[in-house]
Amino acid sequence: MFIVHVHVQVKPECVEAFTAATRANARASRLELGVLRFDVLQQADDPTRFVLVEVYRDAAANAAHKETPHYPVWRGTVAPMMAEPRFSVKFNQVFPD
């Protein structure tokens, strides 16, 4: 498995629009064959901060995700909503194996 945590901080006035766009992207992402899980989390004590938890079969599935029609639409839609550039942290599963 290949896991990605995408950290995003959005402008306060964009939280609702970001959430709507990101939910649409997550729904489409969950239909991809290589996507095992795609969760959108909002920080409890700061609603402008989100983490996307993306779980793929492997790194190739993550690369394929970026080639889907919905990914560039999401990326272009939410880019102006961000208070700072998003960043991701990539993980390999250790347990369970």
Protein backbone atom coordinates (compact mmCIF):
# COMPACT_ATOMS: atom_id res chain seq x y z
CA MET A 1 0.00 0.00 0.00
CA PHE A 2 0.97 3.58 -0.66
CA ILE A 3 -0.55 6.21 1.62
CA VAL A 4 -0.56 9.98 1.15
CA HIS A 5 -1.59 12.62 3.68
CA VAL A 6 -2.26 15.92 1.94
CA HIS A 7 -2.25 18.90 4.29
CA VAL A 8 -4.24 21.94 3.24
CA GLN A 9 -5.01 25.26 4.89
CA VAL A 10 -7.72 27.28 3.19
CA LYS A 11 -8.77 30.89 3.53
CA PRO A 12 -11.56 31.21 6.11
CA GLU A 13 -14.02 32.55 3.55
CA CYS A 14 -13.36 29.52 1.30
CA VAL A 15 -14.00 26.67 3.74
CA GLU A 16 -17.47 25.86 2.41
CA ALA A 17 -16.44 26.00 -1.27
CA PHE A 18 -13.27 24.00 -0.59
CA THR A 19 -15.26 21.35 1.26
CA ALA A 20 -17.76 21.01 -1.60
CA ALA A 21 -15.04 20.75 -4.27
CA THR A 22 -13.01 18.31 -2.21
CA ARG A 23 -16.00 16.08 -1.48
CA ALA A 24 -16.70 15.86 -5.23
CA ASN A 25 -13.06 14.95 -5.88
CA ALA A 26 -13.10 12.34 -3.10
CA ARG A 27 -16.28 10.73 -4.45
CA ALA A 28 -14.75 10.42 -7.92
CA SER A 29 -11.44 9.21 -6.48
CA ARG A 30 -13.15 6.40 -4.57
CA LEU A 31 -14.33 5.00 -7.93
CA GLU A 32 -10.74 4.52 -9.15
CA LEU A 33 -9.61 0.89 -9.15
CA GLY A 34 -6.33 1.64 -7.38
CA VAL A 35 -7.87 3.73 -4.59
CA LEU A 36 -8.53 1.74 -1.43
CA ARG A 37 -9.55 4.70 0.73
CA PHE A 38 -9.95 8.45 0.29
CA ASP A 39 -10.95 10.42 3.40
CA VAL A 40 -11.30 14.15 3.91
CA LEU A 41 -10.67 15.32 7.48
CA GLN A 42 -11.24 18.79 8.90
CA GLN A 43 -9.26 19.84 11.97
CA ALA A 44 -11.54 20.14 15.02
CA ASP A 45 -9.91 23.23 16.52
CA ASP A 46 -9.17 25.02 13.22
CA PRO A 47 -11.79 24.50 10.50
CA THR A 48 -9.50 26.04 7.87
CA ARG A 49 -7.13 23.05 8.08
CA PHE A 50 -7.78 19.79 6.28
CA VAL A 51 -5.98 16.50 5.74
CA LEU A 52 -6.79 14.25 2.81
CA VAL A 53 -5.94 10.65 3.66
CA GLU A 54 -5.43 8.78 0.40
CA VAL A 55 -4.71 5.05 0.39
CA TYR A 56 -3.63 3.46 -2.89
CA ARG A 57 -2.79 -0.11 -3.86
CA ASP A 58 0.67 1.12 -4.84
CA ALA A 59 2.59 4.17 -6.05
CA ALA A 60 1.47 3.52 -9.63
CA ALA A 61 -2.17 3.91 -8.55
CA ASN A 62 -1.26 7.25 -6.96
CA ALA A 63 0.34 8.35 -10.24
CA ALA A 64 -2.74 7.18 -12.17
CA HIS A 65 -4.95 9.23 -9.84
CA LYS A 66 -3.19 12.39 -10.99
CA GLU A 67 -4.06 11.52 -14.62
CA THR A 68 -7.82 11.26 -14.03
CA PRO A 69 -10.16 13.93 -15.43
CA HIS A 70 -11.40 14.97 -11.98
CA TYR A 71 -8.00 15.58 -10.33
CA PRO A 72 -6.92 18.62 -12.41
CA VAL A 73 -10.41 20.09 -12.04
CA TRP A 74 -10.11 19.84 -8.25
CA ARG A 75 -6.55 21.17 -8.24
CA GLY A 76 -7.48 24.19 -10.37
CA THR A 77 -10.65 24.89 -8.43
CA VAL A 78 -9.12 24.85 -4.96
CA ALA A 79 -5.73 26.45 -5.71
CA PRO A 80 -6.99 30.03 -5.22
CA MET A 81 -8.75 28.99 -1.99
CA MET A 82 -5.55 27.99 -0.23
CA ALA A 83 -4.05 30.20 2.45
CA GLU A 84 -0.66 28.55 1.83
CA PRO A 85 0.62 25.89 -0.57
CA ARG A 86 -0.59 22.39 0.21
CA PHE A 87 1.96 19.72 1.02
CA SER A 88 1.89 15.96 1.20
CA VAL A 89 3.61 13.31 3.25
CA LYS A 90 3.92 9.83 1.75
CA PHE A 91 3.90 6.59 3.74
CA ASN A 92 4.43 2.89 3.17
CA GLN A 93 2.36 0.52 5.29
CA VAL A 94 4.28 -1.41 7.93
CA PHE A 95 1.43 -3.13 9.78
CA PRO A 96 -0.74 -4.97 9.17
CA ASP A 97 1.33 -6.73 6.54
